[in-house]
């Protein structure tokens, strides 16, 4: 059974009502909903778009499928036929979400990246100034 729902309000109840989450987009930006679904302990099925190649390991913390309906259906059947394995995928996804996809962690990582880039630029400018003297 599938439900297609659209909302811009609190999504926690939607996630809690799901057995699994699928993001089968052809194009995607970061895909924040993947992290949300993982935080809620759902096994995730996704196409290889946006952040998926960077955060999901196929058959370890989620299932990566191609955009063909048969591929998506096979992934859904695997989760249904192997509920313990599906729970393991969900737990690995939850662990990933808690360690790498929490907003405060991501903000710290972005801050560290920006500081590093700024320091590198300053070092290059100093090298150029020293070479010009």
Protein backbone atom coordinates (compact mmCIF):
# COMPACT_ATOMS: atom_id res chain seq x y z
CA UNK A 1 0.00 0.00 0.00
CA UNK A 2 1.35 3.42 -0.91
CA UNK A 3 0.36 6.89 0.16
CA UNK A 4 1.40 9.99 -1.75
CA UNK A 5 1.13 12.95 0.58
CA UNK A 6 2.11 16.59 0.33
CA UNK A 7 2.53 18.83 3.34
CA UNK A 8 4.49 21.79 4.60
CA UNK A 9 3.72 21.21 8.27
CA UNK A 10 5.11 18.83 10.90
CA UNK A 11 6.29 15.70 9.09
CA UNK A 12 7.08 13.48 12.08
CA UNK A 13 3.64 11.86 12.06
CA UNK A 14 4.00 11.02 8.36
CA UNK A 15 7.40 9.41 8.90
CA UNK A 16 6.15 7.44 11.89
CA UNK A 17 3.28 6.03 9.84
CA UNK A 18 5.67 4.62 7.19
CA UNK A 19 7.31 1.22 6.98
CA UNK A 20 9.93 2.56 4.55
CA UNK A 21 10.74 5.78 2.72
CA UNK A 22 11.41 6.14 -1.01
CA UNK A 23 12.91 9.12 -2.80
CA UNK A 24 12.93 8.09 -6.44
CA UNK A 25 13.63 11.46 -8.06
CA UNK A 26 15.30 11.93 -11.43
CA UNK A 27 16.95 15.12 -10.12
CA UNK A 28 17.48 16.23 -6.55
CA UNK A 29 19.49 18.74 -4.56
CA UNK A 30 20.71 17.64 -1.16
CA UNK A 31 17.65 15.52 -0.40
CA UNK A 32 17.09 16.57 3.21
CA UNK A 33 14.15 14.16 3.44
CA UNK A 34 16.57 11.22 3.29
CA UNK A 35 18.23 12.40 6.50
CA UNK A 36 14.84 13.02 8.10
CA UNK A 37 13.64 9.52 7.20
CA UNK A 38 16.87 8.01 8.53
CA UNK A 39 16.54 9.98 11.79
CA UNK A 40 13.06 8.48 12.14
CA UNK A 41 14.44 4.95 11.77
CA UNK A 42 13.06 4.14 8.33
CA UNK A 43 14.80 2.04 5.71
CA UNK A 44 15.40 4.30 2.71
CA UNK A 45 15.09 3.51 -0.98
CA UNK A 46 16.55 6.18 -3.28
CA UNK A 47 17.76 6.80 -6.78
CA UNK A 48 21.37 7.89 -7.20
CA UNK A 49 20.74 11.65 -7.29
CA UNK A 50 21.79 14.62 -5.19
CA UNK A 51 23.42 13.58 -1.92
CA UNK A 52 22.58 9.88 -2.25
CA UNK A 53 26.01 8.76 -3.57
CA UNK A 54 27.69 10.70 -0.76
CA UNK A 55 25.67 9.40 2.19
CA UNK A 56 24.09 6.08 1.25
CA UNK A 57 25.89 2.78 0.89
CA UNK A 58 23.73 0.39 -1.10
CA UNK A 59 22.44 -2.54 0.97
CA UNK A 60 24.23 -1.21 4.08
CA UNK A 61 22.31 1.91 5.19
CA UNK A 62 19.72 2.02 2.42
CA UNK A 63 18.87 0.73 -1.02
CA UNK A 64 19.97 2.57 -4.14
CA UNK A 65 17.83 1.84 -7.17
CA UNK A 66 17.62 3.06 -10.73
CA UNK A 67 14.62 5.05 -11.91
CA UNK A 68 12.83 2.09 -13.51
CA UNK A 69 9.65 0.99 -11.73
CA UNK A 70 10.84 -2.65 -11.70
CA UNK A 71 13.95 -1.69 -9.73
CA UNK A 72 11.91 0.26 -7.20
CA UNK A 73 9.40 -2.60 -6.86
CA UNK A 74 12.21 -5.12 -6.31
CA UNK A 75 13.66 -2.98 -3.52
CA UNK A 76 10.26 -2.71 -1.84
CA UNK A 77 9.80 -6.48 -2.04
CA UNK A 78 13.27 -7.08 -0.53
CA UNK A 79 12.34 -4.95 2.47
CA UNK A 80 9.00 -6.72 2.85
CA UNK A 81 10.48 -10.22 2.50
CA UNK A 82 13.41 -9.57 4.85
CA UNK A 83 12.09 -7.49 7.77
CA UNK A 84 15.12 -8.13 10.01
CA UNK A 85 17.46 -6.97 7.27
CA UNK A 86 15.21 -3.94 6.68
CA UNK A 87 15.50 -3.12 10.39
CA UNK A 88 19.27 -3.38 10.14
CA UNK A 89 19.32 -1.00 7.17
CA UNK A 90 17.15 1.41 9.13
CA UNK A 91 19.43 1.24 12.17
CA UNK A 92 22.54 1.87 10.06
CA UNK A 93 20.73 4.82 8.47
CA UNK A 94 19.76 6.17 11.89
CA UNK A 95 23.38 5.93 13.05
CA UNK A 96 24.55 7.77 9.93
CA UNK A 97 21.91 10.46 10.40
CA UNK A 98 22.84 11.00 14.04
CA UNK A 99 26.57 11.20 13.36
CA UNK A 100 26.71 13.03 10.02
CA UNK A 101 23.34 14.53 9.14
CA UNK A 102 22.32 16.40 12.28
CA UNK A 103 21.92 20.13 11.61
CA UNK A 104 24.36 21.21 14.34
CA UNK A 105 27.01 18.79 13.05
CA UNK A 106 26.53 19.97 9.49
CA UNK A 107 26.80 23.62 10.60
CA UNK A 108 30.09 22.88 12.42
CA UNK A 109 31.44 21.07 9.36
CA UNK A 110 30.51 23.98 7.07
CA UNK A 111 32.11 26.44 9.49
CA UNK A 112 35.31 24.39 9.61
CA UNK A 113 35.38 24.18 5.82
CA UNK A 114 34.91 27.94 5.40
CA UNK A 115 37.62 28.73 7.97
CA UNK A 116 40.00 26.28 6.25
CA UNK A 117 39.34 27.85 2.84
CA UNK A 118 39.83 31.36 4.23
CA UNK A 119 43.14 30.37 5.90
CA UNK A 120 44.39 28.79 2.68
CA UNK A 121 43.52 31.93 0.74
CA UNK A 122 45.31 34.10 3.31
CA UNK A 123 48.40 31.87 3.08
CA UNK A 124 48.42 32.16 -0.73
CA UNK A 125 48.09 35.96 -0.51
CA UNK A 126 50.99 36.11 1.95
CA UNK A 127 53.11 33.91 -0.35
CA UNK A 128 52.34 36.20 -3.29
CA UNK A 129 53.19 39.30 -1.23
CA UNK A 130 56.48 37.79 -0.05
CA UNK A 131 57.42 36.82 -3.61
CA UNK A 132 56.69 40.32 -4.95
CA UNK A 133 59.03 42.02 -2.42
